[in-house]
Amino acid sequence: MRYLYLIAGSAIALAGIYYIVDPFIQVTQLMDEIGVIAGLVFLYLGTLNILNYWYGSKARGVRWGAVGANAVMLGICWIIGANPVGLEWGVIAALLLAAALSVSSRFSRPA
């Protein structure tokens, strides 16, 4: 069960990398600024969840930072009315799972 939180954080970080790299692969668009910004936010959030997995029981600041960032990201997705299509449901599910698991320190790696 502990690895589920690591997988959710890694999935969020990988989605961020995809959103950053995707505009550079497409030939028709030179750069999609909103996609790159969203990718950077997802990469930051995934990295924060991975750090919470590794250091959550030792560094409470990282833990509460991850909890706060997950709650803010879920709130933003709810406020803007995100309508995921296709594989984007996986990102929303990973975000929801990471938010739920980041609240408890049981799911961080044992010291």
N, C-alpha and C. Protein backbone atom coordinates (compact mmCIF):
# COMPACT_ATOMS: atom_id res chain seq x y z
N MET A 1 0.82 -1.20 0.00
CA MET A 1 0.00 0.00 0.00
C MET A 1 0.86 1.26 0.00
N ARG A 2 2.05 1.16 0.61
CA ARG A 2 2.93 2.32 0.65
C ARG A 2 3.40 2.71 -0.75
N TYR A 3 3.60 1.72 -1.61
CA TYR A 3 4.09 2.00 -2.96
C TYR A 3 3.03 2.68 -3.82
N LEU A 4 1.78 2.58 -3.44
CA LEU A 4 0.71 3.21 -4.20
C LEU A 4 0.88 4.73 -4.21
N TYR A 5 1.31 5.29 -3.11
CA TYR A 5 1.54 6.73 -3.02
C TYR A 5 2.73 7.14 -3.90
N LEU A 6 3.78 6.32 -3.92
CA LEU A 6 4.93 6.59 -4.78
C LEU A 6 4.52 6.52 -6.25
N ILE A 7 3.70 5.56 -6.59
CA ILE A 7 3.23 5.42 -7.98
C ILE A 7 2.36 6.61 -8.37
N ALA A 8 1.49 7.06 -7.47
CA ALA A 8 0.64 8.21 -7.78
C ALA A 8 1.47 9.47 -7.97
N GLY A 9 2.45 9.70 -7.12
CA GLY A 9 3.32 10.86 -7.26
C GLY A 9 4.13 10.80 -8.55
N SER A 10 4.62 9.61 -8.89
CA SER A 10 5.39 9.45 -10.12
C SER A 10 4.51 9.65 -11.35
N ALA A 11 3.26 9.20 -11.30
CA ALA A 11 2.35 9.40 -12.43
C ALA A 11 2.06 10.87 -12.65
N ILE A 12 1.90 11.63 -11.57
CA ILE A 12 1.66 13.06 -11.69
C ILE A 12 2.89 13.76 -12.29
N ALA A 13 4.09 13.38 -11.82
CA ALA A 13 5.32 13.96 -12.35
C ALA A 13 5.51 13.61 -13.83
N LEU A 14 5.22 12.37 -14.21
CA LEU A 14 5.34 11.97 -15.61
C LEU A 14 4.33 12.70 -16.50
N ALA A 15 3.14 12.93 -15.97
CA ALA A 15 2.16 13.71 -16.74
C ALA A 15 2.66 15.14 -16.94
N GLY A 16 3.32 15.69 -15.92
CA GLY A 16 3.90 17.01 -16.05
C GLY A 16 4.97 17.06 -17.12
N ILE A 17 5.83 16.04 -17.15
CA ILE A 17 6.87 15.98 -18.18
C ILE A 17 6.25 15.87 -19.56
N TYR A 18 5.17 15.09 -19.67
CA TYR A 18 4.49 14.97 -20.96
C TYR A 18 3.92 16.32 -21.42
N TYR A 19 3.28 17.05 -20.51
CA TYR A 19 2.71 18.34 -20.87
C TYR A 19 3.78 19.36 -21.24
N ILE A 20 4.99 19.22 -20.68
CA ILE A 20 6.08 20.13 -21.02
C ILE A 20 6.65 19.79 -22.39
N VAL A 21 6.84 18.51 -22.67
CA VAL A 21 7.49 18.08 -23.91
C VAL A 21 6.54 18.10 -25.11
N ASP A 22 5.27 17.90 -24.90
CA ASP A 22 4.30 17.75 -25.99
C ASP A 22 4.27 18.94 -26.96
N PRO A 23 4.27 20.19 -26.53
CA PRO A 23 4.24 21.29 -27.51
C PRO A 23 5.48 21.35 -28.40
N PHE A 24 6.60 20.84 -27.94
CA PHE A 24 7.82 20.88 -28.74
C PHE A 24 7.84 19.77 -29.79
N ILE A 25 7.05 18.71 -29.58
CA ILE A 25 6.98 17.61 -30.54
C ILE A 25 6.08 17.96 -31.71
N GLN A 26 4.99 18.68 -31.44
CA GLN A 26 4.05 19.03 -32.49
C GLN A 26 4.67 20.05 -33.44
N VAL A 27 4.52 19.80 -34.74
CA VAL A 27 5.14 20.66 -35.74
C VAL A 27 4.30 21.91 -35.99
N THR A 28 2.97 21.81 -35.87
CA THR A 28 2.10 22.94 -36.20
C THR A 28 2.19 24.07 -35.18
N GLN A 29 2.41 23.75 -33.93
CA GLN A 29 2.52 24.76 -32.89
C GLN A 29 3.95 24.85 -32.43
N LEU A 30 4.43 26.05 -32.28
CA LEU A 30 5.78 26.17 -31.75
C LEU A 30 5.77 25.96 -30.24
N MET A 31 4.81 26.58 -29.57
CA MET A 31 4.77 26.43 -28.11
C MET A 31 3.38 26.76 -27.59
N ASP A 32 2.88 25.92 -26.73
CA ASP A 32 1.61 26.16 -26.07
C ASP A 32 1.92 26.53 -24.63
N GLU A 33 1.84 27.82 -24.31
CA GLU A 33 2.29 28.30 -23.01
C GLU A 33 1.49 27.72 -21.86
N ILE A 34 0.19 27.59 -22.04
CA ILE A 34 -0.64 27.07 -20.95
C ILE A 34 -0.30 25.61 -20.66
N GLY A 35 -0.03 24.84 -21.69
CA GLY A 35 0.34 23.44 -21.49
C GLY A 35 1.66 23.30 -20.77
N VAL A 36 2.63 24.17 -21.10
CA VAL A 36 3.92 24.12 -20.43
C VAL A 36 3.78 24.54 -18.97
N ILE A 37 2.99 25.56 -18.71
CA ILE A 37 2.77 26.00 -17.32
C ILE A 37 2.07 24.91 -16.52
N ALA A 38 1.05 24.29 -17.10
CA ALA A 38 0.37 23.19 -16.42
C ALA A 38 1.32 22.02 -16.19
N GLY A 39 2.20 21.76 -17.15
CA GLY A 39 3.19 20.71 -16.99
C GLY A 39 4.15 20.99 -15.86
N LEU A 40 4.58 22.24 -15.74
CA LEU A 40 5.46 22.61 -14.64
C LEU A 40 4.78 22.46 -13.29
N VAL A 41 3.49 22.81 -13.23
CA VAL A 41 2.74 22.67 -11.98
C VAL A 41 2.60 21.20 -11.62
N PHE A 42 2.26 20.35 -12.60
CA PHE A 42 2.14 18.92 -12.33
C PHE A 42 3.48 18.31 -11.94
N LEU A 43 4.56 18.74 -12.58
CA LEU A 43 5.89 18.24 -12.24
C LEU A 43 6.25 18.63 -10.81
N TYR A 44 5.97 19.86 -10.43
CA TYR A 44 6.23 20.32 -9.06
C TYR A 44 5.40 19.50 -8.07
N LEU A 45 4.13 19.31 -8.37
CA LEU A 45 3.26 18.57 -7.46
C LEU A 45 3.69 17.11 -7.34
N GLY A 46 4.04 16.49 -8.45
CA GLY A 46 4.51 15.10 -8.39
C GLY A 46 5.80 14.97 -7.61
N THR A 47 6.72 15.92 -7.81
CA THR A 47 7.98 15.91 -7.08
C THR A 47 7.75 16.11 -5.59
N LEU A 48 6.83 16.99 -5.24
CA LEU A 48 6.51 17.21 -3.84
C LEU A 48 5.91 15.95 -3.20
N ASN A 49 5.08 15.22 -3.94
CA ASN A 49 4.52 13.98 -3.41
C ASN A 49 5.58 12.90 -3.28
N ILE A 50 6.54 12.85 -4.22
CA ILE A 50 7.62 11.87 -4.10
C ILE A 50 8.51 12.21 -2.91
N LEU A 51 8.80 13.50 -2.71
CA LEU A 51 9.57 13.90 -1.53
C LEU A 51 8.82 13.58 -0.24
N ASN A 52 7.51 13.73 -0.27
CA ASN A 52 6.71 13.39 0.91
C ASN A 52 6.78 11.89 1.16
N TYR A 53 6.82 11.09 0.12
CA TYR A 53 6.94 9.65 0.29
C TYR A 53 8.27 9.30 0.96
N TRP A 54 9.35 9.92 0.52
CA TRP A 54 10.67 9.58 1.05
C TRP A 54 10.95 10.19 2.42
N TYR A 55 10.51 11.44 2.64
CA TYR A 55 10.89 12.15 3.86
C TYR A 55 9.70 12.57 4.72
N GLY A 56 8.52 12.05 4.45
CA GLY A 56 7.31 12.52 5.12
C GLY A 56 7.33 12.38 6.63
N SER A 57 7.84 11.27 7.14
CA SER A 57 7.83 11.08 8.59
C SER A 57 8.91 11.90 9.28
N LYS A 58 9.96 12.28 8.56
CA LYS A 58 11.04 13.06 9.15
C LYS A 58 10.82 14.56 8.98
N ALA A 59 10.30 14.97 7.86
CA ALA A 59 10.15 16.40 7.56
C ALA A 59 8.67 16.74 7.45
N ARG A 60 8.13 17.25 8.54
CA ARG A 60 6.70 17.56 8.55
C ARG A 60 6.36 18.71 7.62
N GLY A 61 7.31 19.59 7.35
CA GLY A 61 7.07 20.70 6.43
C GLY A 61 6.80 20.21 5.03
N VAL A 62 7.53 19.18 4.62
CA VAL A 62 7.30 18.59 3.30
C VAL A 62 5.94 17.93 3.27
N ARG A 63 5.60 17.25 4.35
CA ARG A 63 4.30 16.56 4.40
C ARG A 63 3.15 17.54 4.29
N TRP A 64 3.19 18.60 5.09
CA TRP A 64 2.08 19.56 5.05
C TRP A 64 2.10 20.38 3.77
N GLY A 65 3.27 20.57 3.18
CA GLY A 65 3.33 21.22 1.88
C GLY A 65 2.67 20.38 0.81
N ALA A 66 2.90 19.06 0.85
CA ALA A 66 2.27 18.16 -0.11
C ALA A 66 0.76 18.10 0.09
N VAL A 67 0.34 18.05 1.35
CA VAL A 67 -1.10 18.03 1.64
C VAL A 67 -1.76 19.30 1.12
N GLY A 68 -1.15 20.45 1.40
CA GLY A 68 -1.70 21.73 0.95
C GLY A 68 -1.71 21.86 -0.56
N ALA A 69 -0.62 21.45 -1.21
CA ALA A 69 -0.55 21.54 -2.67
C ALA A 69 -1.57 20.62 -3.34
N ASN A 70 -1.75 19.42 -2.78
CA ASN A 70 -2.76 18.51 -3.33
C ASN A 70 -4.17 19.07 -3.17
N ALA A 71 -4.44 19.65 -2.01
CA ALA A 71 -5.77 20.22 -1.78
C ALA A 71 -6.02 21.41 -2.70
N VAL A 72 -5.01 22.25 -2.88
CA VAL A 72 -5.18 23.41 -3.79
C VAL A 72 -5.39 22.94 -5.22
N MET A 73 -4.63 21.93 -5.65
CA MET A 73 -4.77 21.44 -7.03
C MET A 73 -6.14 20.81 -7.26
N LEU A 74 -6.62 20.05 -6.29
CA LEU A 74 -7.98 19.50 -6.43
C LEU A 74 -9.02 20.60 -6.46
N GLY A 75 -8.82 21.63 -5.63
CA GLY A 75 -9.74 22.77 -5.64
C GLY A 75 -9.74 23.50 -6.97
N ILE A 76 -8.56 23.69 -7.54
CA ILE A 76 -8.47 24.35 -8.85
C ILE A 76 -9.15 23.52 -9.92
N CYS A 77 -8.93 22.21 -9.91
CA CYS A 77 -9.60 21.34 -10.90
C CYS A 77 -11.11 21.39 -10.74
N TRP A 78 -11.59 21.48 -9.50
CA TRP A 78 -13.03 21.53 -9.27
C TRP A 78 -13.59 22.88 -9.69
N ILE A 79 -12.87 23.99 -9.38
CA ILE A 79 -13.36 25.33 -9.70
C ILE A 79 -13.42 25.56 -11.20
N ILE A 80 -12.39 25.13 -11.94
CA ILE A 80 -12.40 25.37 -13.38
C ILE A 80 -13.29 24.37 -14.11
N GLY A 81 -13.75 23.37 -13.40
CA GLY A 81 -14.65 22.39 -14.01
C GLY A 81 -13.93 21.53 -15.03
N ALA A 82 -12.82 20.94 -14.60
CA ALA A 82 -12.02 20.12 -15.50
C ALA A 82 -12.86 18.98 -16.06
N ASN A 83 -12.85 18.87 -17.38
CA ASN A 83 -13.55 17.80 -18.08
C ASN A 83 -12.52 16.90 -18.74
N PRO A 84 -11.97 15.94 -17.99
CA PRO A 84 -10.93 15.09 -18.57
C PRO A 84 -11.47 14.19 -19.67
N VAL A 85 -10.62 13.97 -20.66
CA VAL A 85 -10.97 13.12 -21.79
C VAL A 85 -9.88 12.07 -21.94
N GLY A 86 -10.27 10.83 -22.10
CA GLY A 86 -9.31 9.76 -22.36
C GLY A 86 -8.39 9.50 -21.18
N LEU A 87 -7.08 9.57 -21.44
CA LEU A 87 -6.09 9.25 -20.41
C LEU A 87 -5.97 10.33 -19.35
N GLU A 88 -6.58 11.48 -19.56
CA GLU A 88 -6.55 12.53 -18.53
C GLU A 88 -7.28 12.10 -17.27
N TRP A 89 -8.18 11.13 -17.38
CA TRP A 89 -8.84 10.59 -16.19
C TRP A 89 -7.81 9.96 -15.26
N GLY A 90 -6.76 9.37 -15.83
CA GLY A 90 -5.71 8.78 -15.02
C GLY A 90 -4.97 9.81 -14.19
N VAL A 91 -4.74 11.00 -14.77
CA VAL A 91 -4.07 12.06 -14.03
C VAL A 91 -4.94 12.55 -12.88
N ILE A 92 -6.24 12.72 -13.15
CA ILE A 92 -7.17 13.15 -12.10
C ILE A 92 -7.26 12.08 -11.01
N ALA A 93 -7.28 10.81 -11.40
CA ALA A 93 -7.34 9.73 -10.41
C ALA A 93 -6.06 9.69 -9.58
N ALA A 94 -4.89 9.88 -10.22
CA ALA A 94 -3.62 9.89 -9.49
C ALA A 94 -3.57 11.09 -8.55
N LEU A 95 -4.10 12.22 -8.98
CA LEU A 95 -4.13 13.41 -8.13
C LEU A 95 -5.03 13.19 -6.92
N LEU A 96 -6.18 12.60 -7.14
CA LEU A 96 -7.11 12.31 -6.03
C LEU A 96 -6.51 11.28 -5.08
N LEU A 97 -5.86 10.26 -5.63
CA LEU A 97 -5.22 9.24 -4.79
C LEU A 97 -4.07 9.83 -3.98
N ALA A 98 -3.26 10.66 -4.62
CA ALA A 98 -2.14 11.29 -3.90
C ALA A 98 -2.65 12.22 -2.81
N ALA A 99 -3.73 12.94 -3.09
CA ALA A 99 -4.28 13.83 -2.07
C ALA A 99 -4.81 13.04 -0.88
N ALA A 100 -5.45 11.92 -1.15
CA ALA A 100 -5.99 11.12 -0.06
C ALA A 100 -4.88 10.46 0.76
N LEU A 101 -3.84 9.98 0.08
CA LEU A 101 -2.77 9.27 0.79
C LEU A 101 -1.79 10.22 1.47
N SER A 102 -1.71 11.47 1.02
CA SER A 102 -0.75 12.39 1.62
C SER A 102 -1.19 12.87 3.00
N VAL A 103 -2.45 12.71 3.32
CA VAL A 103 -2.96 13.18 4.62
C VAL A 103 -2.38 12.32 5.75
N SER A 104 -2.24 11.04 5.52
CA SER A 104 -1.75 10.15 6.56
C SER A 104 -0.24 9.95 6.42
N SER A 105 0.48 10.00 7.52
CA SER A 105 1.92 9.77 7.47
C SER A 105 2.25 8.28 7.38
N ARG A 106 1.25 7.43 7.49
CA ARG A 106 1.48 5.98 7.39
C ARG A 106 1.97 5.58 6.02
N PHE A 107 1.61 6.35 4.98
CA PHE A 107 1.94 5.95 3.63
C PHE A 107 3.29 6.46 3.17
N SER A 108 3.99 7.21 4.02
CA SER A 108 5.35 7.60 3.65
C SER A 108 6.30 6.45 3.99
N ARG A 109 7.45 6.51 3.40
CA ARG A 109 8.43 5.45 3.59
C ARG A 109 8.88 5.41 5.05
N PRO A 110 8.97 4.22 5.62
CA PRO A 110 9.39 4.13 7.02
C PRO A 110 10.84 4.61 7.18
N ALA A 111 11.10 5.27 8.29
CA ALA A 111 12.43 5.86 8.53
C ALA A 111 13.49 4.82 8.78
